[in-house]
Amino acid sequence: MARYDAAKAKLGTLQKEKDQRLVQADAIGRFMFELSERSDAITEFDERLWLAVVEKAAAYHDGRLVFTFQNGTAVEG
């Protein structure tokens, strides 16, 4: 019974990881599509490209800015 429970828990963990990777692959696919739609170099702000890449941006009272990308990576500036 213990082996079954351990295997079931591992299966749940692996399924969650798979789902997260599928979400990341979808986000990368959307980003690549947005880039492929452009025929010229990026020289100015592009809202569609921004929305394809950035999930959220947060501004804090101490002046910090934190950008969270679609893949979950956060960058502080």
C-alpha atoms as a PDB file:
ATOM      1  CA  MET A   1       0.000   0.000   0.000  1.00  0.00           C
ATOM      2  CA  ALA A   2       2.854   2.398   0.841  1.00  0.00           C
ATOM      3  CA  ARG A   3       4.472   1.792  -2.565  1.00  0.00           C
ATOM      4  CA  TYR A   4       1.163   2.515  -4.271  1.00  0.00           C
ATOM      5  CA  ASP A   5       0.717   5.769  -2.329  1.00  0.00           C
ATOM      6  CA  ALA A   6       4.291   6.841  -3.139  1.00  0.00           C
ATOM      7  CA  ALA A   7       3.805   6.061  -6.841  1.00  0.00           C
ATOM      8  CA  LYS A   8       0.484   7.918  -6.886  1.00  0.00           C
ATOM      9  CA  ALA A   9       2.072  10.970  -5.256  1.00  0.00           C
ATOM     10  CA  LYS A  10       4.953  10.891  -7.742  1.00  0.00           C
ATOM     11  CA  LEU A  11       2.485  10.623 -10.627  1.00  0.00           C
ATOM     12  CA  GLY A  12       0.658  13.699  -9.322  1.00  0.00           C
ATOM     13  CA  THR A  13       3.911  15.635  -9.091  1.00  0.00           C
ATOM     14  CA  LEU A  14       4.947  14.618 -12.597  1.00  0.00           C
ATOM     15  CA  GLN A  15       1.529  15.554 -14.001  1.00  0.00           C
ATOM     16  CA  LYS A  16       1.786  19.002 -12.403  1.00  0.00           C
ATOM     17  CA  GLU A  17       5.271  19.489 -13.908  1.00  0.00           C
ATOM     18  CA  LYS A  18       3.967  18.410 -17.311  1.00  0.00           C
ATOM     19  CA  ASP A  19       1.091  20.888 -17.107  1.00  0.00           C
ATOM     20  CA  GLN A  20       3.488  23.711 -16.164  1.00  0.00           C
ATOM     21  CA  ARG A  21       5.754  22.874 -19.097  1.00  0.00           C
ATOM     22  CA  LEU A  22       2.793  22.860 -21.480  1.00  0.00           C
ATOM     23  CA  VAL A  23       1.812  26.335 -20.264  1.00  0.00           C
ATOM     24  CA  GLN A  24       5.398  27.537 -20.760  1.00  0.00           C
ATOM     25  CA  ALA A  25       5.542  25.991 -24.244  1.00  0.00           C
ATOM     26  CA  ASP A  26       2.294  27.756 -25.139  1.00  0.00           C
ATOM     27  CA  ALA A  27       3.666  31.097 -23.919  1.00  0.00           C
ATOM     28  CA  ILE A  28       6.860  30.607 -25.924  1.00  0.00           C
ATOM     29  CA  GLY A  29       4.784  29.694 -28.969  1.00  0.00           C
ATOM     30  CA  ARG A  30       2.708  32.877 -28.646  1.00  0.00           C
ATOM     31  CA  PHE A  31       5.879  34.942 -28.299  1.00  0.00           C
ATOM     32  CA  MET A  32       7.479  33.304 -31.335  1.00  0.00           C
ATOM     33  CA  PHE A  33       4.314  33.923 -33.343  1.00  0.00           C
ATOM     34  CA  GLU A  34       4.336  37.604 -32.401  1.00  0.00           C
ATOM     35  CA  LEU A  35       7.980  37.879 -33.467  1.00  0.00           C
ATOM     36  CA  SER A  36       7.349  36.079 -36.742  1.00  0.00           C
ATOM     37  CA  GLU A  37       4.551  38.525 -37.580  1.00  0.00           C
ATOM     38  CA  ARG A  38       7.029  41.405 -37.555  1.00  0.00           C
ATOM     39  CA  SER A  39       8.862  42.057 -40.791  1.00  0.00           C
ATOM     40  CA  ASP A  40      11.075  44.837 -39.433  1.00  0.00           C
ATOM     41  CA  ALA A  41      13.340  45.473 -36.461  1.00  0.00           C
ATOM     42  CA  ILE A  42      11.733  46.478 -33.187  1.00  0.00           C
ATOM     43  CA  THR A  43      12.397  50.202 -32.821  1.00  0.00           C
ATOM     44  CA  GLU A  44       9.510  51.288 -30.623  1.00  0.00           C
ATOM     45  CA  PHE A  45       7.178  49.943 -27.969  1.00  0.00           C
ATOM     46  CA  ASP A  46       4.863  47.201 -29.250  1.00  0.00           C
ATOM     47  CA  GLU A  47       1.916  46.473 -26.971  1.00  0.00           C
ATOM     48  CA  ARG A  48       1.153  43.062 -28.537  1.00  0.00           C
ATOM     49  CA  LEU A  49       4.744  41.943 -28.049  1.00  0.00           C
ATOM     50  CA  TRP A  50       4.756  43.278 -24.469  1.00  0.00           C
ATOM     51  CA  LEU A  51       1.583  41.350 -23.629  1.00  0.00           C
ATOM     52  CA  ALA A  52       2.996  38.183 -25.187  1.00  0.00           C
ATOM     53  CA  VAL A  53       6.119  38.380 -23.010  1.00  0.00           C
ATOM     54  CA  VAL A  54       5.218  40.084 -19.712  1.00  0.00           C
ATOM     55  CA  GLU A  55       2.661  38.613 -17.308  1.00  0.00           C
ATOM     56  CA  LYS A  56       2.748  41.504 -14.840  1.00  0.00           C
ATOM     57  CA  ALA A  57       4.777  44.466 -13.671  1.00  0.00           C
ATOM     58  CA  ALA A  58       4.795  45.720 -10.078  1.00  0.00           C
ATOM     59  CA  ALA A  59       5.997  49.084  -8.775  1.00  0.00           C
ATOM     60  CA  TYR A  60       6.823  49.358  -5.077  1.00  0.00           C
ATOM     61  CA  HIS A  61       6.908  52.385  -2.793  1.00  0.00           C
ATOM     62  CA  ASP A  62      10.690  52.097  -2.409  1.00  0.00           C
ATOM     63  CA  GLY A  63      11.161  52.602  -6.170  1.00  0.00           C
ATOM     64  CA  ARG A  64      11.705  48.979  -7.129  1.00  0.00           C
ATOM     65  CA  LEU A  65      10.131  47.602 -10.290  1.00  0.00           C
ATOM     66  CA  VAL A  66       9.558  43.875 -10.701  1.00  0.00           C
ATOM     67  CA  PHE A  67       8.636  42.404 -14.069  1.00  0.00           C
ATOM     68  CA  THR A  68       7.259  38.866 -14.151  1.00  0.00           C
ATOM     69  CA  PHE A  69       7.420  37.164 -17.520  1.00  0.00           C
ATOM     70  CA  GLN A  70       4.998  34.599 -18.908  1.00  0.00           C
ATOM     71  CA  ASN A  71       7.391  31.776 -17.990  1.00  0.00           C
ATOM     72  CA  GLY A  72       7.389  32.833 -14.331  1.00  0.00           C
ATOM     73  CA  THR A  73      10.827  34.462 -14.338  1.00  0.00           C
ATOM     74  CA  ALA A  74      10.928  37.704 -12.340  1.00  0.00           C
ATOM     75  CA  VAL A  75      13.410  40.512 -12.944  1.00  0.00           C
ATOM     76  CA  GLU A  76      13.886  43.376 -10.518  1.00  0.00           C
ATOM     77  CA  GLY A  77      15.070  46.739 -11.682  1.00  0.00           C
END
